[in-house]
Amino acid sequence: MSARGTARQIAAKAGMLLGALFVFTLLLAALPAHRAPAQEGSAAQSPEVDRRGMAGMDVGDEHASEKVAVGNMTPGHHDAHSAHVTMTAMRTQTPEDVQRAKEVVAQLRAGIEKYRDYHVALNDGFKIFLPNVPQAEYHFTNYRNGFLEGFTFDPARPTSLLYRKTSSGYELAGAMYTMPKRATEDQLDARVPLSVAMWHLHTNLCMPPRAQVRNVDWSKFGLKGSIATQDACNVAGGRFRPSIFGWMVHVYPYEDSLDKVFAMHHHMD
């Protein structure tokens, strides 16, 4: 074999090895680390508590704005005209869409029924997002599910479970599906019909200068701040993000009608 042929074989094998290492690293990073389940009454100190961000979504500089972001992720805090929230347009409803949505709801209910006991969710790898921040709903997020939702859709396998706080723990209310922010509306519609539900994406985030994070004026910065453009963020010395996290849709499968099951878009202020 010529030297050139040998060199090509070596290069090809090296390329295959590097590709395999890349895929392995990507999968390893997406899987949650094995951790002991949370003990009741110790959620704030539990390894199941998560303060990083929502699964299946990009996290980085917005870490400091999590408390602000959480308010935008709960019912009653979405404004269709807000510069910080992009909502999908409602499409003309068809009988096929309604039937497909009902099938999604039925599969979701069956898949999350066991999580009425929130301890089971913790044992299955769901982590509480910001448990010490008062919220209308608490997201219990499974990062492996969020990673998988970027490639496949299983209605019984949501990224997050939605719980309401009770005097004795948490009560299951619904779930949240996610998709990467690069997803098209047609791709979102293929999962949950846009004639029945609205997906939403958090946009135009201006993070404050790093030196001001501890004493920041959140009326200007963050997902509820007045700054919503790159130019205004530059003037304020901030760091602009056109979008954060990914597409999300909340589903409340225990409600008695589709309007209530996908009621998030009916709660805009």
C-alpha atoms as a PDB file:
ATOM      1  CA  MET A   1       0.000   0.000   0.000  1.00  0.00           C
ATOM      2  CA  SER A   2       1.304   3.462  -0.891  1.00  0.00           C
ATOM      3  CA  ALA A   3       2.192   6.026   1.756  1.00  0.00           C
ATOM      4  CA  ARG A   4      -0.692   8.176   0.519  1.00  0.00           C
ATOM      5  CA  GLY A   5      -3.164   5.274   0.915  1.00  0.00           C
ATOM      6  CA  THR A   6      -1.882   4.518   4.390  1.00  0.00           C
ATOM      7  CA  ALA A   7      -2.229   8.163   5.370  1.00  0.00           C
ATOM      8  CA  ARG A   8      -5.816   8.228   4.119  1.00  0.00           C
ATOM      9  CA  GLN A   9      -6.696   5.128   6.144  1.00  0.00           C
ATOM     10  CA  ILE A  10      -5.188   6.603   9.284  1.00  0.00           C
ATOM     11  CA  ALA A  11      -7.043   9.886   8.734  1.00  0.00           C
ATOM     12  CA  ALA A  12     -10.342   8.054   8.163  1.00  0.00           C
ATOM     13  CA  LYS A  13      -9.950   5.977  11.328  1.00  0.00           C
ATOM     14  CA  ALA A  14      -8.995   9.047  13.323  1.00  0.00           C
ATOM     15  CA  GLY A  15     -12.067  10.866  12.030  1.00  0.00           C
ATOM     16  CA  MET A  16     -14.328   7.975  13.000  1.00  0.00           C
ATOM     17  CA  LEU A  17     -12.785   7.850  16.471  1.00  0.00           C
ATOM     18  CA  LEU A  18     -13.207  11.568  17.015  1.00  0.00           C
ATOM     19  CA  GLY A  19     -16.812  11.374  15.809  1.00  0.00           C
ATOM     20  CA  ALA A  20     -17.584   8.528  18.188  1.00  0.00           C
ATOM     21  CA  LEU A  21     -15.988  10.399  21.088  1.00  0.00           C
ATOM     22  CA  PHE A  22     -18.047  13.491  20.254  1.00  0.00           C
ATOM     23  CA  VAL A  23     -21.320  11.558  20.216  1.00  0.00           C
ATOM     24  CA  PHE A  24     -20.438   9.744  23.430  1.00  0.00           C
ATOM     25  CA  THR A  25     -19.551  13.029  25.147  1.00  0.00           C
ATOM     26  CA  LEU A  26     -22.813  14.604  23.995  1.00  0.00           C
ATOM     27  CA  LEU A  27     -24.897  11.710  25.306  1.00  0.00           C
ATOM     28  CA  LEU A  28     -22.992  11.581  28.577  1.00  0.00           C
ATOM     29  CA  ALA A  29     -23.498  15.283  29.149  1.00  0.00           C
ATOM     30  CA  ALA A  30     -27.225  14.931  28.532  1.00  0.00           C
ATOM     31  CA  LEU A  31     -27.771  12.150  31.035  1.00  0.00           C
ATOM     32  CA  PRO A  32     -28.398  13.170  34.649  1.00  0.00           C
ATOM     33  CA  ALA A  33     -25.857  12.075  37.194  1.00  0.00           C
ATOM     34  CA  HIS A  34     -26.914   9.302  39.518  1.00  0.00           C
ATOM     35  CA  ARG A  35     -27.932  10.870  42.789  1.00  0.00           C
ATOM     36  CA  ALA A  36     -29.722   9.728  45.888  1.00  0.00           C
ATOM     37  CA  PRO A  37     -33.456  10.538  46.014  1.00  0.00           C
ATOM     38  CA  ALA A  38     -34.596  13.544  47.989  1.00  0.00           C
ATOM     39  CA  GLN A  39     -35.864  13.064  51.507  1.00  0.00           C
ATOM     40  CA  GLU A  40     -39.162  14.621  52.478  1.00  0.00           C
ATOM     41  CA  GLY A  41     -38.770  17.931  54.224  1.00  0.00           C
ATOM     42  CA  SER A  42     -35.257  18.546  52.909  1.00  0.00           C
ATOM     43  CA  ALA A  43     -35.892  19.666  49.327  1.00  0.00           C
ATOM     44  CA  ALA A  44     -33.808  22.814  49.690  1.00  0.00           C
ATOM     45  CA  GLN A  45     -30.699  20.784  50.536  1.00  0.00           C
ATOM     46  CA  SER A  46     -31.497  17.770  48.391  1.00  0.00           C
ATOM     47  CA  PRO A  47     -29.351  16.812  45.380  1.00  0.00           C
ATOM     48  CA  GLU A  48     -32.652  16.539  43.488  1.00  0.00           C
ATOM     49  CA  VAL A  49     -33.083  20.313  43.737  1.00  0.00           C
ATOM     50  CA  ASP A  50     -32.015  22.072  40.569  1.00  0.00           C
ATOM     51  CA  ARG A  51     -30.949  25.691  40.301  1.00  0.00           C
ATOM     52  CA  ARG A  52     -29.356  25.576  36.862  1.00  0.00           C
ATOM     53  CA  GLY A  53     -32.247  25.958  34.463  1.00  0.00           C
ATOM     54  CA  MET A  54     -35.016  24.123  32.667  1.00  0.00           C
ATOM     55  CA  ALA A  55     -34.181  20.843  30.961  1.00  0.00           C
ATOM     56  CA  GLY A  56     -33.942  20.705  27.230  1.00  0.00           C
ATOM     57  CA  MET A  57     -33.166  24.414  27.139  1.00  0.00           C
ATOM     58  CA  ASP A  58     -30.072  26.530  26.852  1.00  0.00           C
ATOM     59  CA  VAL A  59     -28.703  27.895  30.122  1.00  0.00           C
ATOM     60  CA  GLY A  60     -25.837  30.277  30.687  1.00  0.00           C
ATOM     61  CA  ASP A  61     -25.843  33.956  31.560  1.00  0.00           C
ATOM     62  CA  GLU A  62     -29.551  33.810  32.339  1.00  0.00           C
ATOM     63  CA  HIS A  63     -28.734  31.846  35.521  1.00  0.00           C
ATOM     64  CA  ALA A  64     -28.839  35.111  37.479  1.00  0.00           C
ATOM     65  CA  SER A  65     -32.289  35.848  36.061  1.00  0.00           C
ATOM     66  CA  GLU A  66     -33.879  32.519  37.000  1.00  0.00           C
ATOM     67  CA  LYS A  67     -36.101  34.017  39.675  1.00  0.00           C
ATOM     68  CA  VAL A  68     -37.455  36.509  37.172  1.00  0.00           C
ATOM     69  CA  ALA A  69     -37.797  33.874  34.473  1.00  0.00           C
ATOM     70  CA  VAL A  70     -39.836  31.575  36.688  1.00  0.00           C
ATOM     71  CA  GLY A  71     -42.576  34.173  36.949  1.00  0.00           C
ATOM     72  CA  ASN A  72     -42.866  34.167  33.181  1.00  0.00           C
ATOM     73  CA  MET A  73     -43.196  30.407  33.040  1.00  0.00           C
ATOM     74  CA  THR A  74     -46.303  30.129  35.182  1.00  0.00           C
ATOM     75  CA  PRO A  75     -49.960  30.644  34.206  1.00  0.00           C
ATOM     76  CA  GLY A  76     -51.245  34.195  34.341  1.00  0.00           C
ATOM     77  CA  HIS A  77     -47.889  35.751  33.502  1.00  0.00           C
ATOM     78  CA  HIS A  78     -47.863  35.510  29.714  1.00  0.00           C
ATOM     79  CA  ASP A  79     -48.568  38.522  27.568  1.00  0.00           C
ATOM     80  CA  ALA A  80     -48.988  37.736  23.886  1.00  0.00           C
ATOM     81  CA  HIS A  81     -47.706  41.209  23.056  1.00  0.00           C
ATOM     82  CA  SER A  82     -44.696  41.111  25.369  1.00  0.00           C
ATOM     83  CA  ALA A  83     -41.304  41.596  23.754  1.00  0.00           C
ATOM     84  CA  HIS A  84     -40.003  38.919  26.087  1.00  0.00           C
ATOM     85  CA  VAL A  85     -42.427  36.166  25.066  1.00  0.00           C
ATOM     86  CA  THR A  86     -43.030  34.818  21.573  1.00  0.00           C
ATOM     87  CA  MET A  87     -46.209  32.774  21.163  1.00  0.00           C
ATOM     88  CA  THR A  88     -47.072  30.544  18.231  1.00  0.00           C
ATOM     89  CA  ALA A  89     -49.993  31.691  16.100  1.00  0.00           C
ATOM     90  CA  MET A  90     -53.248  29.821  16.532  1.00  0.00           C
ATOM     91  CA  ARG A  91     -54.175  27.806  13.449  1.00  0.00           C
ATOM     92  CA  THR A  92     -57.583  26.853  12.129  1.00  0.00           C
ATOM     93  CA  GLN A  93     -58.821  23.904  14.132  1.00  0.00           C
ATOM     94  CA  THR A  94     -59.717  20.637  12.428  1.00  0.00           C
ATOM     95  CA  PRO A  95     -61.366  17.465  13.772  1.00  0.00           C
ATOM     96  CA  GLU A  96     -58.079  15.666  13.161  1.00  0.00           C
ATOM     97  CA  ASP A  97     -56.243  18.185  15.362  1.00  0.00           C
ATOM     98  CA  VAL A  98     -58.749  17.728  18.157  1.00  0.00           C
ATOM     99  CA  GLN A  99     -58.453  13.960  18.006  1.00  0.00           C
ATOM    100  CA  ARG A 100     -54.665  14.140  17.962  1.00  0.00           C
ATOM    101  CA  ALA A 101     -54.646  16.488  20.952  1.00  0.00           C
ATOM    102  CA  LYS A 102     -56.949  14.154  22.880  1.00  0.00           C
ATOM    103  CA  GLU A 103     -54.591  11.257  22.182  1.00  0.00           C
ATOM    104  CA  VAL A 104     -51.642  13.290  23.500  1.00  0.00           C
ATOM    105  CA  VAL A 105     -53.589  14.082  26.672  1.00  0.00           C
ATOM    106  CA  ALA A 106     -54.619  10.457  27.202  1.00  0.00           C
ATOM    107  CA  GLN A 107     -51.051   9.213  26.824  1.00  0.00           C
ATOM    108  CA  LEU A 108     -49.734  11.946  29.099  1.00  0.00           C
ATOM    109  CA  ARG A 109     -52.229  11.104  31.848  1.00  0.00           C
ATOM    110  CA  ALA A 110     -51.295   7.435  31.708  1.00  0.00           C
ATOM    111  CA  GLY A 111     -47.582   8.228  31.694  1.00  0.00           C
ATOM    112  CA  ILE A 112     -47.544  10.593  34.669  1.00  0.00           C
ATOM    113  CA  GLU A 113     -50.211   9.004  36.863  1.00  0.00           C
ATOM    114  CA  LYS A 114     -47.549   7.456  39.091  1.00  0.00           C
ATOM    115  CA  TYR A 115     -46.111  10.904  39.706  1.00  0.00           C
ATOM    116  CA  ARG A 116     -49.126  12.007  41.725  1.00  0.00           C
ATOM    117  CA  ASP A 117     -46.751  10.953  44.485  1.00  0.00           C
ATOM    118  CA  TYR A 118     -43.978  13.491  43.992  1.00  0.00           C
ATOM    119  CA  HIS A 119     -41.505  11.216  45.764  1.00  0.00           C
ATOM    120  CA  VAL A 120     -41.765   8.851  42.802  1.00  0.00           C
ATOM    121  CA  ALA A 121     -40.869  11.719  40.467  1.00  0.00           C
ATOM    122  CA  LEU A 122     -37.791  12.527  42.540  1.00  0.00           C
ATOM    123  CA  ASN A 123     -36.762   8.887  42.556  1.00  0.00           C
ATOM    124  CA  ASP A 124     -37.137   8.792  38.754  1.00  0.00           C
ATOM    125  CA  GLY A 125     -34.710  11.649  38.204  1.00  0.00           C
ATOM    126  CA  PHE A 126     -36.948  14.721  38.219  1.00  0.00           C
ATOM    127  CA  LYS A 127     -35.387  17.683  40.021  1.00  0.00           C
ATOM    128  CA  ILE A 128     -37.189  20.600  41.657  1.00  0.00           C
ATOM    129  CA  PHE A 129     -36.478  23.930  39.967  1.00  0.00           C
ATOM    130  CA  LEU A 130     -35.950  26.716  42.543  1.00  0.00           C
ATOM    131  CA  PRO A 131     -37.981  25.214  45.416  1.00  0.00           C
ATOM    132  CA  ASN A 132     -37.353  28.196  47.699  1.00  0.00           C
ATOM    133  CA  VAL A 133     -38.761  30.736  45.249  1.00  0.00           C
ATOM    134  CA  PRO A 134     -42.558  31.163  45.735  1.00  0.00           C
ATOM    135  CA  GLN A 135     -44.249  29.982  42.544  1.00  0.00           C
ATOM    136  CA  ALA A 136     -47.778  29.254  41.377  1.00  0.00           C
ATOM    137  CA  GLU A 137     -46.356  26.032  39.941  1.00  0.00           C
ATOM    138  CA  TYR A 138     -43.114  24.211  40.571  1.00  0.00           C
ATOM    139  CA  HIS A 139     -41.304  22.570  37.678  1.00  0.00           C
ATOM    140  CA  PHE A 140     -39.868  19.134  38.425  1.00  0.00           C
ATOM    141  CA  THR A 141     -37.528  18.658  35.474  1.00  0.00           C
ATOM    142  CA  ASN A 142     -35.931  15.552  34.007  1.00  0.00           C
ATOM    143  CA  TYR A 143     -32.870  16.513  31.950  1.00  0.00           C
ATOM    144  CA  ARG A 144     -32.685  13.201  30.147  1.00  0.00           C
ATOM    145  CA  ASN A 145     -36.287  13.620  28.988  1.00  0.00           C
ATOM    146  CA  GLY A 146     -35.513  17.153  27.835  1.00  0.00           C
ATOM    147  CA  PHE A 147     -32.567  15.915  25.804  1.00  0.00           C
ATOM    148  CA  LEU A 148     -34.642  13.162  24.198  1.00  0.00           C
ATOM    149  CA  GLU A 149     -37.438  15.598  23.308  1.00  0.00           C
ATOM    150  CA  GLY A 150     -34.985  17.343  21.026  1.00  0.00           C
ATOM    151  CA  PHE A 151     -35.062  14.264  18.801  1.00  0.00           C
ATOM    152  CA  THR A 152     -38.206  12.231  19.520  1.00  0.00           C
ATOM    153  CA  PHE A 153     -41.646  12.814  20.991  1.00  0.00           C
ATOM    154  CA  ASP A 154     -43.336  10.525  23.481  1.00  0.00           C
ATOM    155  CA  PRO A 155     -46.471  12.138  24.988  1.00  0.00           C
ATOM    156  CA  ALA A 156     -46.031  10.000  28.099  1.00  0.00           C
ATOM    157  CA  ARG A 157     -42.500  11.368  28.669  1.00  0.00           C
ATOM    158  CA  PRO A 158     -42.662  15.135  29.368  1.00  0.00           C
ATOM    159  CA  THR A 159     -39.608  17.230  30.133  1.00  0.00           C
ATOM    160  CA  SER A 160     -41.140  18.652  33.302  1.00  0.00           C
ATOM    161  CA  LEU A 161     -43.928  17.878  35.731  1.00  0.00           C
ATOM    162  CA  LEU A 162     -45.941  20.796  37.117  1.00  0.00           C
ATOM    163  CA  TYR A 163     -46.818  20.730  40.802  1.00  0.00           C
ATOM    164  CA  ARG A 164     -48.663  23.061  43.152  1.00  0.00           C
ATOM    165  CA  LYS A 165     -47.333  23.414  46.687  1.00  0.00           C
ATOM    166  CA  THR A 166     -49.525  22.030  49.471  1.00  0.00           C
ATOM    167  CA  SER A 167     -49.214  21.903  53.229  1.00  0.00           C
ATOM    168  CA  SER A 168     -47.932  18.342  52.984  1.00  0.00           C
ATOM    169  CA  GLY A 169     -45.803  18.498  49.848  1.00  0.00           C
ATOM    170  CA  TYR A 170     -46.704  18.866  46.177  1.00  0.00           C
ATOM    171  CA  GLU A 171     -49.846  18.136  44.146  1.00  0.00           C
ATOM    172  CA  LEU A 172     -49.465  17.136  40.495  1.00  0.00           C
ATOM    173  CA  ALA A 173     -51.239  19.564  38.158  1.00  0.00           C
ATOM    174  CA  GLY A 174     -49.768  18.985  34.718  1.00  0.00           C
ATOM    175  CA  ALA A 175     -46.673  18.681  32.602  1.00  0.00           C
ATOM    176  CA  MET A 176     -44.531  20.572  30.127  1.00  0.00           C
ATOM    177  CA  TYR A 177     -43.134  19.515  26.756  1.00  0.00           C
ATOM    178  CA  THR A 178     -40.117  21.256  25.258  1.00  0.00           C
ATOM    179  CA  MET A 179     -38.365  21.600  21.920  1.00  0.00           C
ATOM    180  CA  PRO A 180     -35.139  23.368  20.927  1.00  0.00           C
ATOM    181  CA  LYS A 181     -35.552  27.039  20.057  1.00  0.00           C
ATOM    182  CA  ARG A 182     -34.524  26.303  16.466  1.00  0.00           C
ATOM    183  CA  ALA A 183     -37.704  24.221  15.970  1.00  0.00           C
ATOM    184  CA  THR A 184     -40.170  25.468  13.343  1.00  0.00           C
ATOM    185  CA  GLU A 185     -43.875  25.994  13.958  1.00  0.00           C
ATOM    186  CA  ASP A 186     -44.623  23.009  11.728  1.00  0.00           C
ATOM    187  CA  GLN A 187     -42.424  20.851  13.941  1.00  0.00           C
ATOM    188  CA  LEU A 188     -44.180  22.137  17.053  1.00  0.00           C
ATOM    189  CA  ASP A 189     -47.561  21.527  15.426  1.00  0.00           C
ATOM    190  CA  ALA A 190     -46.576  17.939  14.658  1.00  0.00           C
ATOM    191  CA  ARG A 191     -46.290  17.320  18.395  1.00  0.00           C
ATOM    192  CA  VAL A 192     -49.103  19.381  19.897  1.00  0.00           C
ATOM    193  CA  PRO A 193     -51.478  20.989  17.346  1.00  0.00           C
ATOM    194  CA  LEU A 194     -51.171  24.766  17.115  1.00  0.00           C
ATOM    195  CA  SER A 195     -54.921  24.981  16.587  1.00  0.00           C
ATOM    196  CA  VAL A 196     -55.386  23.682  20.129  1.00  0.00           C
ATOM    197  CA  ALA A 197     -52.398  24.993  22.080  1.00  0.00           C
ATOM    198  CA  MET A 198     -49.859  27.799  21.975  1.00  0.00           C
ATOM    199  CA  TRP A 199     -46.178  27.054  22.428  1.00  0.00           C
ATOM    200  CA  HIS A 200     -44.090  29.901  23.857  1.00  0.00           C
ATOM    201  CA  LEU A 201     -40.463  31.009  23.724  1.00  0.00           C
ATOM    202  CA  HIS A 202     -38.721  33.490  26.037  1.00  0.00           C
ATOM    203  CA  THR A 203     -37.012  36.188  23.982  1.00  0.00           C
ATOM    204  CA  ASN A 204     -35.039  39.447  24.054  1.00  0.00           C
ATOM    205  CA  LEU A 205     -33.288  39.008  27.374  1.00  0.00           C
ATOM    206  CA  CYS A 206     -30.855  41.686  28.511  1.00  0.00           C
ATOM    207  CA  MET A 207     -28.678  40.467  31.357  1.00  0.00           C
ATOM    208  CA  PRO A 208     -27.102  43.140  33.558  1.00  0.00           C
ATOM    209  CA  PRO A 209     -23.365  43.826  33.690  1.00  0.00           C
ATOM    210  CA  ARG A 210     -21.691  41.071  35.704  1.00  0.00           C
ATOM    211  CA  ALA A 211     -20.610  43.521  38.400  1.00  0.00           C
ATOM    212  CA  GLN A 212     -24.248  44.551  38.979  1.00  0.00           C
ATOM    213  CA  VAL A 213     -25.861  41.113  39.198  1.00  0.00           C
ATOM    214  CA  ARG A 214     -26.200  41.168  42.991  1.00  0.00           C
ATOM    215  CA  ASN A 215     -27.841  44.600  43.104  1.00  0.00           C
ATOM    216  CA  VAL A 216     -29.500  44.709  39.706  1.00  0.00           C
ATOM    217  CA  ASP A 217     -32.605  46.714  38.860  1.00  0.00           C
ATOM    218  CA  TRP A 218     -34.832  43.948  37.499  1.00  0.00           C
ATOM    219  CA  SER A 219     -37.334  46.506  36.259  1.00  0.00           C
ATOM    220  CA  LYS A 220     -34.812  47.124  33.452  1.00  0.00           C
ATOM    221  CA  PHE A 221     -33.102  43.755  33.055  1.00  0.00           C
ATOM    222  CA  GLY A 222     -34.294  40.178  32.797  1.00  0.00           C
ATOM    223  CA  LEU A 223     -37.442  38.667  31.349  1.00  0.00           C
ATOM    224  CA  LYS A 224     -39.708  41.281  32.887  1.00  0.00           C
ATOM    225  CA  GLY A 225     -37.401  44.230  32.331  1.00  0.00           C
ATOM    226  CA  SER A 226     -38.069  47.221  30.122  1.00  0.00           C
ATOM    227  CA  ILE A 227     -34.975  46.592  27.985  1.00  0.00           C
ATOM    228  CA  ALA A 228     -35.887  44.420  25.015  1.00  0.00           C
ATOM    229  CA  THR A 229     -33.515  45.382  22.198  1.00  0.00           C
ATOM    230  CA  GLN A 230     -29.846  44.865  21.435  1.00  0.00           C
ATOM    231  CA  ASP A 231     -29.196  48.625  21.170  1.00  0.00           C
ATOM    232  CA  ALA A 232     -30.826  49.457  24.512  1.00  0.00           C
ATOM    233  CA  CYS A 233     -28.984  46.585  26.161  1.00  0.00           C
ATOM    234  CA  ASN A 234     -25.658  47.829  24.771  1.00  0.00           C
ATOM    235  CA  VAL A 235     -26.319  51.323  26.143  1.00  0.00           C
ATOM    236  CA  ALA A 236     -27.042  49.818  29.568  1.00  0.00           C
ATOM    237  CA  GLY A 237     -23.840  47.795  29.408  1.00  0.00           C
ATOM    238  CA  GLY A 238     -25.757  44.528  29.484  1.00  0.00           C
ATOM    239  CA  ARG A 239     -25.480  41.219  27.650  1.00  0.00           C
ATOM    240  CA  PHE A 240     -28.224  40.574  25.117  1.00  0.00           C
ATOM    241  CA  ARG A 241     -29.741  37.177  24.338  1.00  0.00           C
ATOM    242  CA  PRO A 242     -32.253  37.032  21.441  1.00  0.00           C
ATOM    243  CA  SER A 243     -33.810  33.947  23.035  1.00  0.00           C
ATOM    244  CA  ILE A 244     -33.186  31.635  25.979  1.00  0.00           C
ATOM    245  CA  PHE A 245     -34.307  28.186  26.993  1.00  0.00           C
ATOM    246  CA  GLY A 246     -36.407  26.614  24.227  1.00  0.00           C
ATOM    247  CA  TRP A 247     -40.001  26.213  23.062  1.00  0.00           C
ATOM    248  CA  MET A 248     -42.403  25.122  25.820  1.00  0.00           C
ATOM    249  CA  VAL A 249     -46.042  24.121  26.106  1.00  0.00           C
ATOM    250  CA  HIS A 250     -47.904  23.407  29.340  1.00  0.00           C
ATOM    251  CA  VAL A 251     -50.563  20.698  29.486  1.00  0.00           C
ATOM    252  CA  TYR A 252     -53.087  20.144  32.297  1.00  0.00           C
ATOM    253  CA  PRO A 253     -54.448  16.646  31.563  1.00  0.00           C
ATOM    254  CA  TYR A 254     -56.711  16.442  34.598  1.00  0.00           C
ATOM    255  CA  GLU A 255     -58.994  19.218  33.357  1.00  0.00           C
ATOM    256  CA  ASP A 256     -62.339  18.281  31.823  1.00  0.00           C
ATOM    257  CA  SER A 257     -62.058  19.977  28.409  1.00  0.00           C
ATOM    258  CA  LEU A 258     -59.340  20.717  25.860  1.00  0.00           C
ATOM    259  CA  ASP A 259     -59.778  24.445  26.419  1.00  0.00           C
ATOM    260  CA  LYS A 260     -58.791  23.949  30.049  1.00  0.00           C
ATOM    261  CA  VAL A 261     -56.164  21.308  29.328  1.00  0.00           C
ATOM    262  CA  PHE A 262     -54.305  23.779  27.108  1.00  0.00           C
ATOM    263  CA  ALA A 263     -55.527  26.817  29.042  1.00  0.00           C
ATOM    264  CA  MET A 264     -52.212  28.643  29.284  1.00  0.00           C
ATOM    265  CA  HIS A 265     -52.989  30.894  26.339  1.00  0.00           C
ATOM    266  CA  HIS A 266     -56.305  31.854  27.952  1.00  0.00           C
ATOM    267  CA  HIS A 267     -54.495  33.371  30.947  1.00  0.00           C
ATOM    268  CA  MET A 268     -52.677  36.221  29.238  1.00  0.00           C
ATOM    269  CA  ASP A 269     -52.830  39.522  31.114  1.00  0.00           C
END
